[in-house]
């Protein structure tokens, strides 16, 4: 079905929205990259669905109501209407563009407990708002937990009014509560779907549940506290026995510290540039919510770093380059040599002013604590990106790669933390990361293996890399 939708790339919807790129979809819907000129947005998403004669007005009415909602944890809807592409009569809705979602992270790794907490808090915040306004989300799942800049947000294009029927019996989807088969939607149904999502986020597997008339899903005992208890209370077969969003939030606040609250739209508009830079903190879930839950990009703590050590300065390049390794390298150099000699050697090898990478050698060394001396980047390799490939980028493409480093400083393994929206740029980043070299970390005077996250940022003119040591 994707090829059937993809044929519409390059078409213009409603005389205004150019379908730049097919982003994904299914038999009943498709999402394309577009832009919203009136709002000055270089990137927006447009969703297309067939215009069912018996349901079209109801769907447009739902979108119009959802567009009136305003919450920092909800995807904003901008415009909706009818259109025709070829012989196909369609409905469309234009919304905020999200570079990543949680479903892109989970095939590569589960979330840590800290990351799950950072994912749950904004999701609960958004659901509390939606339910308070008389709506039901109805589509809670990893693909609908999205990252926009430094925010995790829930989709809003599937919202329904409380008590609204879904049109009779239908085959339940894997995240749907048992009562969905009867056409019933309610806040309790969102809680069930949230519980399914939580278990999958922590284990990369959905709970085992056959949808039988009796019984409840079997939860893996490996789900850590307090999430196992939360999931059990979300996944009660009887909707009346499930916890409410408020109860889940209260339990979460009681057992785990709360993350920083989301800025309001007004705060986002008036923030100073240096404040925006200060927000670039990542957890290797952020959400990284990469994330992109993570980055999710310049963004959310869910989709990127697992921990938050002091970051080293970014490496920036307009042309691909490889830093040559010094000809004379001590076999077991002392840390003082790392800070002084290596910086001089790097400058000498170039015959030019030190690059940001060489400056980070000075910056990264901290007073040792508990016998640990952090490692440092010794040799960075940046992807060779043809300009015609850069010209396809709108905004930034972000990819996070986690590398395992042996005690000699060599990379012995690399995997995606967040591959981002482009397989092409993801593979470039992965290949480059495998060639990096590091001054090894030291624990109690001995060189040890370490782990780093390299966050690559591609734009139309340059490649930036933000390296962060995450272990030890």
Protein backbone atom coordinates (compact mmCIF):
# COMPACT_ATOMS: atom_id res chain seq x y z
CA UNK A 1 0.00 0.00 0.00
CA UNK A 2 2.94 2.34 0.58
CA UNK A 3 3.64 2.45 -3.16
CA UNK A 4 0.04 3.46 -3.81
CA UNK A 5 0.44 6.40 -1.43
CA UNK A 6 3.96 7.22 -2.55
CA UNK A 7 2.75 7.99 -6.06
CA UNK A 8 1.35 11.27 -4.72
CA UNK A 9 4.77 12.69 -3.86
CA UNK A 10 5.17 16.01 -5.69
CA UNK A 11 1.42 16.70 -5.78
CA UNK A 12 -0.14 19.76 -4.14
CA UNK A 13 -3.03 19.36 -1.71
CA UNK A 14 -5.75 21.99 -1.70
CA UNK A 15 -3.55 24.29 -3.80
CA UNK A 16 -1.32 24.93 -0.79
CA UNK A 17 0.46 21.90 0.66
CA UNK A 18 3.21 20.36 -1.45
CA UNK A 19 3.76 16.66 -0.73
CA UNK A 20 7.53 16.69 -0.48
CA UNK A 21 8.17 13.20 0.85
CA UNK A 22 6.16 10.13 1.82
CA UNK A 23 6.96 9.44 5.49
CA UNK A 24 4.88 6.33 6.11
CA UNK A 25 1.41 5.00 6.51
CA UNK A 26 -0.88 2.01 6.16
CA UNK A 27 -3.81 0.91 4.05
CA UNK A 28 -6.09 3.58 5.50
CA UNK A 29 -3.79 6.59 5.94
CA UNK A 30 -0.52 8.16 4.86
CA UNK A 31 1.70 10.91 6.21
CA UNK A 32 3.79 13.20 4.02
CA UNK A 33 6.32 15.91 4.71
CA UNK A 34 5.06 19.34 3.70
CA UNK A 35 5.40 22.94 4.87
CA UNK A 36 3.05 25.56 6.22
CA UNK A 37 3.80 28.93 4.65
CA UNK A 38 1.31 30.95 6.70
CA UNK A 39 2.92 29.79 9.93
CA UNK A 40 6.44 30.10 8.59
CA UNK A 41 7.14 26.40 9.10
CA UNK A 42 9.69 24.81 6.80
CA UNK A 43 8.50 21.42 7.98
CA UNK A 44 5.01 20.22 8.77
CA UNK A 45 3.29 16.87 8.43
CA UNK A 46 0.15 16.25 6.44
CA UNK A 47 -1.98 13.16 6.98
CA UNK A 48 -4.27 11.86 4.24
CA UNK A 49 -7.14 9.42 4.70
CA UNK A 50 -9.87 8.28 2.30
CA UNK A 51 -13.02 10.39 2.55
CA UNK A 52 -15.62 7.89 3.73
CA UNK A 53 -18.98 9.45 2.72
CA UNK A 54 -20.63 8.26 5.92
CA UNK A 55 -17.84 9.40 8.23
CA UNK A 56 -16.09 12.35 6.58
CA UNK A 57 -17.93 15.15 8.37
CA UNK A 58 -17.50 13.44 11.73
CA UNK A 59 -13.76 13.12 11.19
CA UNK A 60 -13.38 16.74 10.11
CA UNK A 61 -15.38 17.80 13.16
CA UNK A 62 -13.05 15.80 15.42
CA UNK A 63 -9.99 17.46 13.89
CA UNK A 64 -11.51 20.93 14.24
CA UNK A 65 -12.21 20.33 17.91
CA UNK A 66 -8.73 18.91 18.49
CA UNK A 67 -7.19 21.94 16.77
CA UNK A 68 -8.71 24.17 19.45
CA UNK A 69 -6.80 22.35 22.20
CA UNK A 70 -3.52 23.88 23.32
CA UNK A 71 -1.04 22.01 25.48
CA UNK A 72 2.77 21.81 25.28
CA UNK A 73 2.59 17.99 25.27
CA UNK A 74 0.11 17.70 22.37
CA UNK A 75 0.91 17.81 18.65
CA UNK A 76 -0.74 20.94 17.24
CA UNK A 77 -3.20 20.62 14.35
CA UNK A 78 -3.12 23.57 11.96
CA UNK A 79 -5.53 23.03 9.08
CA UNK A 80 -7.86 20.36 7.73
CA UNK A 81 -10.17 19.84 4.78
CA UNK A 82 -11.05 17.80 1.71
CA UNK A 83 -8.95 17.29 -1.39
CA UNK A 84 -8.75 15.18 -4.52
CA UNK A 85 -5.62 13.52 -5.91
CA UNK A 86 -6.30 11.83 -9.21
CA UNK A 87 -9.54 9.95 -8.72
CA UNK A 88 -9.07 9.64 -4.96
CA UNK A 89 -11.22 11.84 -2.71
CA UNK A 90 -9.37 12.37 0.55
CA UNK A 91 -9.43 14.19 3.87
CA UNK A 92 -6.29 15.91 5.09
CA UNK A 93 -4.98 17.39 8.32
CA UNK A 94 -1.79 19.47 8.60
CA UNK A 95 0.06 19.25 11.90
CA UNK A 96 3.41 19.73 13.62
CA UNK A 97 6.21 17.64 12.16
CA UNK A 98 7.85 15.18 14.54
CA UNK A 99 11.31 13.94 13.60
CA UNK A 100 11.14 10.79 15.71
CA UNK A 101 8.79 8.66 17.74
CA UNK A 102 9.21 5.97 20.36
CA UNK A 103 8.50 3.15 17.91
CA UNK A 104 11.75 4.00 16.10
CA UNK A 105 13.76 3.47 19.29
CA UNK A 106 12.31 0.21 20.61
CA UNK A 107 13.51 -2.07 17.78
CA UNK A 108 17.06 -1.15 18.82
CA UNK A 109 16.79 -1.22 22.61
CA UNK A 110 14.36 -0.93 25.53
CA UNK A 111 14.09 2.14 27.71
CA UNK A 112 15.85 2.28 31.05
CA UNK A 113 13.69 2.92 34.14
CA UNK A 114 14.82 6.57 34.16
CA UNK A 115 13.89 6.94 30.51
CA UNK A 116 10.52 5.26 31.08
CA UNK A 117 9.83 7.81 33.80
CA UNK A 118 10.77 10.62 31.42
CA UNK A 119 8.41 9.15 28.82
CA UNK A 120 5.52 8.61 31.23
CA UNK A 121 5.50 12.05 32.83
CA UNK A 122 4.69 14.08 29.67
CA UNK A 123 2.33 11.38 28.39
CA UNK A 124 0.35 11.50 31.64
CA UNK A 125 0.40 15.29 31.56
CA UNK A 126 -1.09 15.28 28.05
CA UNK A 127 -3.69 12.61 28.87
CA UNK A 128 -4.80 14.49 31.99
CA UNK A 129 -5.37 17.59 29.86
CA UNK A 130 -7.18 15.67 27.10
CA UNK A 131 -9.46 13.87 29.56
CA UNK A 132 -10.10 17.12 31.42
CA UNK A 133 -11.35 18.68 28.17
CA UNK A 134 -13.78 15.82 27.60
CA UNK A 135 -11.76 13.89 25.03
CA UNK A 136 -10.26 10.41 24.76
CA UNK A 137 -6.95 9.86 22.99
CA UNK A 138 -7.92 6.45 21.65
CA UNK A 139 -4.58 5.67 20.00
CA UNK A 140 -1.95 5.40 22.73
CA UNK A 141 1.04 3.47 21.37
CA UNK A 142 4.79 4.04 20.86
CA UNK A 143 4.34 5.49 17.37
CA UNK A 144 2.16 8.25 18.82
CA UNK A 145 4.70 9.35 21.45
CA UNK A 146 6.67 11.81 19.39
CA UNK A 147 9.60 14.19 19.63
CA UNK A 148 9.55 17.79 18.43
CA UNK A 149 12.73 19.69 19.19
CA UNK A 150 13.21 19.26 22.95
CA UNK A 151 9.66 18.14 23.70
CA UNK A 152 7.93 14.79 23.89
CA UNK A 153 4.35 15.08 22.65
CA UNK A 154 1.34 12.88 22.02
CA UNK A 155 -0.42 12.77 18.68
CA UNK A 156 -3.78 14.54 18.62
CA UNK A 157 -5.28 13.67 15.22
CA UNK A 158 -7.17 10.66 16.63
CA UNK A 159 -8.94 12.33 19.56
CA UNK A 160 -12.63 11.55 20.13
CA UNK A 161 -15.25 12.95 22.45
CA UNK A 162 -15.91 10.91 25.61
CA UNK A 163 -18.84 8.58 25.13
CA UNK A 164 -18.56 8.70 21.36
CA UNK A 165 -19.00 5.34 19.66
CA UNK A 166 -16.34 4.02 17.30
CA UNK A 167 -19.04 2.60 15.07
CA UNK A 168 -19.86 -0.80 16.54
CA UNK A 169 -17.76 -3.91 16.88
CA UNK A 170 -14.37 -4.04 15.23
CA UNK A 171 -11.26 -6.14 15.47
CA UNK A 172 -9.17 -4.75 18.35
CA UNK A 173 -5.67 -3.51 17.69
CA UNK A 174 -2.85 -4.83 19.87
CA UNK A 175 -2.88 -1.75 22.14
CA UNK A 176 -6.68 -1.59 22.45
CA UNK A 177 -8.49 -2.47 25.68
CA UNK A 178 -10.92 -5.42 25.68
CA UNK A 179 -13.97 -3.13 25.59
CA UNK A 180 -12.83 -1.60 22.28
CA UNK A 181 -14.25 -4.66 20.51
CA UNK A 182 -17.71 -3.41 21.57
CA UNK A 183 -17.06 0.07 20.21
CA UNK A 184 -16.55 1.59 23.68
CA UNK A 185 -13.97 4.35 24.15
CA UNK A 186 -13.17 6.00 27.48
CA UNK A 187 -10.28 7.42 29.53
CA UNK A 188 -9.91 3.95 31.06
CA UNK A 189 -9.15 2.66 27.56
CA UNK A 190 -6.28 5.14 27.27
CA UNK A 191 -4.93 3.85 30.58
CA UNK A 192 -4.95 0.27 29.24
CA UNK A 193 -3.10 1.34 26.08
CA UNK A 194 -0.60 3.28 28.18
CA UNK A 195 0.06 0.14 30.23
CA UNK A 196 0.70 -1.90 27.08
CA UNK A 197 3.05 0.81 25.81
CA UNK A 198 4.91 0.98 29.12
CA UNK A 199 5.60 -2.77 29.19
CA UNK A 200 6.75 -2.75 25.58
CA UNK A 201 9.00 0.25 26.20
CA UNK A 202 10.76 -1.52 29.08
CA UNK A 203 10.97 -5.04 27.59
CA UNK A 204 10.63 -4.56 23.80
CA UNK A 205 7.69 -7.01 23.99
CA UNK A 206 3.98 -6.57 24.45
CA UNK A 207 2.34 -8.37 27.38
CA UNK A 208 1.13 -11.88 26.57
CA UNK A 209 -2.62 -11.65 26.25
CA UNK A 210 -4.95 -13.66 24.08
CA UNK A 211 -7.94 -11.37 24.48
CA UNK A 212 -9.88 -14.10 26.25
CA UNK A 213 -13.18 -13.50 27.98
CA UNK A 214 -11.49 -13.86 31.34
CA UNK A 215 -8.06 -13.18 32.69
CA UNK A 216 -5.57 -10.36 32.31
CA UNK A 217 -2.29 -9.97 30.44
CA UNK A 218 0.73 -11.84 31.79
CA UNK A 219 3.45 -9.34 32.65
CA UNK A 220 7.15 -10.21 32.65
CA UNK A 221 8.60 -10.14 36.15
CA UNK A 222 11.63 -8.39 34.66
CA UNK A 223 9.63 -5.15 34.49
CA UNK A 224 11.28 -3.06 37.24
CA UNK A 225 9.52 -1.45 40.18
CA UNK A 226 7.48 0.66 40.36
CA UNK A 227 6.54 0.10 36.71
CA UNK A 228 5.40 -3.51 37.19
CA UNK A 229 2.81 -2.38 39.73
CA UNK A 230 1.76 0.54 37.52
CA UNK A 231 1.33 -1.75 34.52
CA UNK A 232 -0.77 -4.23 36.52
CA UNK A 233 -3.14 -1.47 37.59
CA UNK A 234 -3.37 -0.18 34.01
CA UNK A 235 -4.10 -3.60 32.52
CA UNK A 236 -7.12 -4.66 34.55
CA UNK A 237 -9.75 -6.26 32.34
CA UNK A 238 -12.51 -4.38 34.16
CA UNK A 239 -12.22 -0.67 33.21
CA UNK A 240 -13.64 0.31 36.61
CA UNK A 241 -10.69 -1.34 38.37
CA UNK A 242 -7.99 0.44 36.38
CA UNK A 243 -6.15 3.32 37.92
CA UNK A 244 -6.93 6.78 36.60
CA UNK A 245 -4.30 9.03 35.06
CA UNK A 246 -4.27 11.04 38.29
CA UNK A 247 -3.59 7.92 40.37
CA UNK A 248 -0.74 6.84 38.08
CA UNK A 249 0.77 10.31 38.23
CA UNK A 250 0.54 10.38 42.01
CA UNK A 251 2.24 6.99 42.30
CA UNK A 252 4.97 8.06 39.89
CA UNK A 253 5.60 11.30 41.79
CA UNK A 254 5.73 9.41 45.08
CA UNK A 255 8.27 6.81 43.94
CA UNK A 256 10.44 8.70 41.45
CA UNK A 257 11.61 12.34 41.25
CA UNK A 258 9.81 14.46 38.73
CA UNK A 259 11.58 15.82 35.63
CA UNK A 260 11.58 19.52 34.81
CA UNK A 261 8.14 20.76 33.69
CA UNK A 262 7.55 21.47 30.03
CA UNK A 263 7.81 25.14 29.02
CA UNK A 264 4.61 26.80 27.92
CA UNK A 265 4.28 27.93 24.29
CA UNK A 266 4.78 31.54 25.46
CA UNK A 267 8.01 30.58 27.26
CA UNK A 268 9.21 28.78 24.15
CA UNK A 269 8.60 31.84 21.98
CA UNK A 270 10.39 34.24 24.33
CA UNK A 271 13.33 32.02 25.33
CA UNK A 272 16.78 33.51 24.75
CA UNK A 273 19.15 31.70 22.36
CA UNK A 274 21.45 30.64 25.19
CA UNK A 275 18.47 29.07 26.96
CA UNK A 276 17.73 27.03 23.87
CA UNK A 277 21.31 25.81 23.84
CA UNK A 278 21.09 24.90 27.50
CA UNK A 279 18.15 22.62 26.71
CA UNK A 280 20.30 20.35 24.56
CA UNK A 281 20.56 17.61 27.15
CA UNK A 282 20.13 14.04 26.19
CA UNK A 283 19.59 10.75 27.94
CA UNK A 284 20.22 7.70 25.91
CA UNK A 285 16.90 6.58 26.03
CA UNK A 286 15.51 11.73 25.16
CA UNK A 287 13.80 10.79 24.00
CA UNK A 288 16.40 11.05 24.04
CA UNK A 289 12.27 10.47 22.88
CA UNK A 290 15.58 10.72 20.65
CA UNK A 291 14.83 11.19 20.07
CA UNK A 292 14.20 10.90 19.57
CA UNK A 293 11.70 9.13 22.95
CA UNK A 294 14.28 10.65 22.59
CA UNK A 295 17.15 13.54 20.79
CA UNK A 296 14.44 13.01 19.85
CA UNK A 297 16.96 15.57 18.21
CA UNK A 298 17.90 18.97 19.50
CA UNK A 299 15.69 17.56 21.89
CA UNK A 300 14.02 15.34 24.27
CA UNK A 301 16.00 13.62 26.89
CA UNK A 302 14.13 10.42 26.20
CA UNK A 303 15.60 9.45 22.88
CA UNK A 304 19.32 9.86 23.42
CA UNK A 305 21.65 9.61 26.40
CA UNK A 306 21.14 7.12 29.21
CA UNK A 307 23.01 9.35 31.61
CA UNK A 308 23.84 13.00 31.79
CA UNK A 309 27.61 13.33 32.27
CA UNK A 310 29.30 16.65 31.55
CA UNK A 311 29.22 16.88 27.73
CA UNK A 312 32.29 17.65 25.70
CA UNK A 313 32.15 20.39 23.08
CA UNK A 314 30.74 19.49 19.69
CA UNK A 315 32.90 18.67 16.71
CA UNK A 316 31.94 20.67 13.64
CA UNK A 317 33.03 20.14 10.07
CA UNK A 318 32.06 21.60 6.73
CA UNK A 319 34.26 19.08 4.91
CA UNK A 320 35.02 15.47 5.87
CA UNK A 321 38.24 15.15 7.80
CA UNK A 322 40.18 12.62 9.83
CA UNK A 323 42.54 13.72 12.56
CA UNK A 324 45.89 11.96 12.11
CA UNK A 325 47.17 10.02 15.08
CA UNK A 326 50.51 11.27 16.44
CA UNK A 327 53.51 9.22 15.30
CA UNK A 328 54.84 8.91 18.86
CA UNK A 329 52.23 7.66 21.30
CA UNK A 330 53.08 6.50 24.84
CA UNK A 331 51.98 2.96 25.50
CA UNK A 332 50.56 3.83 28.91
CA UNK A 333 50.46 7.63 29.04
CA UNK A 334 49.57 9.43 32.22
CA UNK A 335 46.56 11.70 32.42
CA UNK A 336 48.72 14.80 32.55
CA UNK A 337 50.09 13.83 29.15
CA UNK A 338 46.54 13.48 27.84
CA UNK A 339 45.74 17.09 28.65
CA UNK A 340 48.96 18.79 27.63
CA UNK A 341 50.89 16.72 25.14
CA UNK A 342 48.04 15.41 23.03
CA UNK A 343 46.64 18.87 22.52
CA UNK A 344 50.04 20.12 21.32
CA UNK A 345 50.58 17.09 19.12
CA UNK A 346 47.21 17.53 17.46
CA UNK A 347 47.94 21.16 16.70
CA UNK A 348 51.33 20.26 15.31
CA UNK A 349 49.95 17.54 13.10
CA UNK A 350 47.68 20.05 11.37
CA UNK A 351 49.94 23.08 11.36
CA UNK A 352 46.84 25.16 12.10
CA UNK A 353 44.83 26.40 15.04
CA UNK A 354 43.35 23.65 17.22
CA UNK A 355 39.99 22.26 16.18
CA UNK A 356 37.04 21.94 18.55
CA UNK A 357 38.00 18.29 18.98
CA UNK A 358 41.46 19.17 20.27
CA UNK A 359 40.00 21.84 22.53
CA UNK A 360 37.74 19.25 24.11
CA UNK A 361 40.80 17.41 25.46
CA UNK A 362 41.38 20.34 27.77
CA UNK A 363 37.71 20.74 28.58
CA UNK A 364 36.81 17.13 29.28
CA UNK A 365 39.39 16.48 32.02
CA UNK A 366 37.82 16.89 35.42
CA UNK A 367 39.10 16.38 38.93
CA UNK A 368 39.06 12.63 39.43
CA UNK A 369 36.31 11.32 41.66
CA UNK A 370 36.38 7.87 43.20
CA UNK A 371 39.43 6.79 41.18
CA UNK A 372 37.78 7.50 37.79
CA UNK A 373 39.38 9.57 35.02
CA UNK A 374 37.11 10.22 32.05
CA UNK A 375 38.23 9.22 28.58
CA UNK A 376 38.61 11.68 25.73
CA UNK A 377 38.16 11.78 21.97
CA UNK A 378 41.51 11.25 20.27
CA UNK A 379 40.57 10.82 16.61
CA UNK A 380 37.24 11.75 15.09
CA UNK A 381 36.03 10.64 11.67
CA UNK A 382 33.26 12.62 10.02
CA UNK A 383 30.99 11.20 7.32
CA UNK A 384 31.66 12.12 3.71
CA UNK A 385 28.32 13.62 2.68
CA UNK A 386 27.84 14.65 -0.97
CA UNK A 387 26.33 18.09 -1.36
CA UNK A 388 23.44 16.73 -3.40
CA UNK A 389 22.53 14.57 -0.37
CA UNK A 390 22.78 17.58 1.96
CA UNK A 391 20.45 19.49 -0.34
CA UNK A 392 17.66 17.04 0.53
CA UNK A 393 17.81 18.01 4.22
CA UNK A 394 15.18 20.35 5.64
CA UNK A 395 16.30 21.60 9.03
CA UNK A 396 18.52 18.94 10.62
CA UNK A 397 18.88 15.17 10.52
CA UNK A 398 20.00 13.71 13.83
CA UNK A 399 21.44 10.25 14.45
CA UNK A 400 22.74 8.84 17.74
CA UNK A 401 25.27 6.00 17.73
CA UNK A 402 26.47 4.16 20.84
CA UNK A 403 30.03 2.81 20.61
CA UNK A 404 31.87 0.34 22.84
CA UNK A 405 35.53 1.24 23.38
CA UNK A 406 38.16 -1.23 24.58
CA UNK A 407 40.96 -0.35 27.06
CA UNK A 408 43.27 0.60 24.18
CA UNK A 409 40.80 3.25 22.95
CA UNK A 410 39.61 1.36 19.86
CA UNK A 411 35.93 1.09 18.93
CA UNK A 412 34.95 -2.58 19.12
CA UNK A 413 31.22 -2.22 18.59
CA UNK A 414 28.66 0.30 17.38
CA UNK A 415 24.89 0.34 17.33
CA UNK A 416 22.11 2.86 16.91
CA UNK A 417 20.62 4.58 19.89
CA UNK A 418 18.39 6.56 17.58
CA UNK A 419 18.70 6.06 13.81
CA UNK A 420 16.64 9.13 12.99
CA UNK A 421 14.33 9.52 10.01
CA UNK A 422 16.84 8.69 7.23
CA UNK A 423 18.50 5.30 6.68
CA UNK A 424 21.04 6.95 4.38
CA UNK A 425 22.34 9.40 6.99
CA UNK A 426 22.03 6.78 9.74
CA UNK A 427 24.38 4.43 7.86
CA UNK A 428 26.85 7.25 7.21
CA UNK A 429 26.95 8.04 10.92
CA UNK A 430 27.33 4.38 11.93
CA UNK A 431 30.23 3.82 9.51
CA UNK A 432 32.02 6.95 10.68
CA UNK A 433 31.54 6.10 14.36
CA UNK A 434 33.28 2.75 13.92
CA UNK A 435 36.51 4.54 12.97
CA UNK A 436 36.70 6.86 15.98
CA UNK A 437 39.50 6.46 18.53
CA UNK A 438 39.62 7.54 22.15
CA UNK A 439 42.03 8.11 25.00
CA UNK A 440 40.81 5.34 27.31
CA UNK A 441 39.15 5.95 30.64
CA UNK A 442 41.05 5.05 33.81
CA UNK A 443 39.66 3.49 36.98
CA UNK A 444 41.99 3.25 39.99
CA UNK A 445 44.98 3.77 37.72
CA UNK A 446 44.02 1.09 35.18
CA UNK A 447 42.78 1.62 31.63
CA UNK A 448 39.26 0.23 31.22
CA UNK A 449 36.62 -0.27 28.57
CA UNK A 450 34.14 2.56 28.11
CA UNK A 451 31.01 3.48 26.25
CA UNK A 452 30.23 6.66 24.33
CA UNK A 453 27.23 8.11 22.55
CA UNK A 454 28.02 10.09 19.41
CA UNK A 455 25.17 12.33 18.33
CA UNK A 456 25.56 13.33 14.68
CA UNK A 457 23.76 16.38 13.35
CA UNK A 458 23.58 16.84 9.58
CA UNK A 459 22.38 19.99 7.88
CA UNK A 460 22.77 21.51 4.42
CA UNK A 461 26.26 22.91 5.06
CA UNK A 462 27.96 20.96 7.84
CA UNK A 463 28.13 17.90 10.06
CA UNK A 464 28.26 18.35 13.83
CA UNK A 465 29.07 15.64 16.35
CA UNK A 466 28.35 15.76 20.07
CA UNK A 467 30.32 13.02 21.89
CA UNK A 468 29.34 12.02 25.43
CA UNK A 469 30.96 9.30 27.53
CA UNK A 470 28.21 7.28 29.23
CA UNK A 471 30.26 4.56 30.98
CA UNK A 472 32.12 4.16 33.22
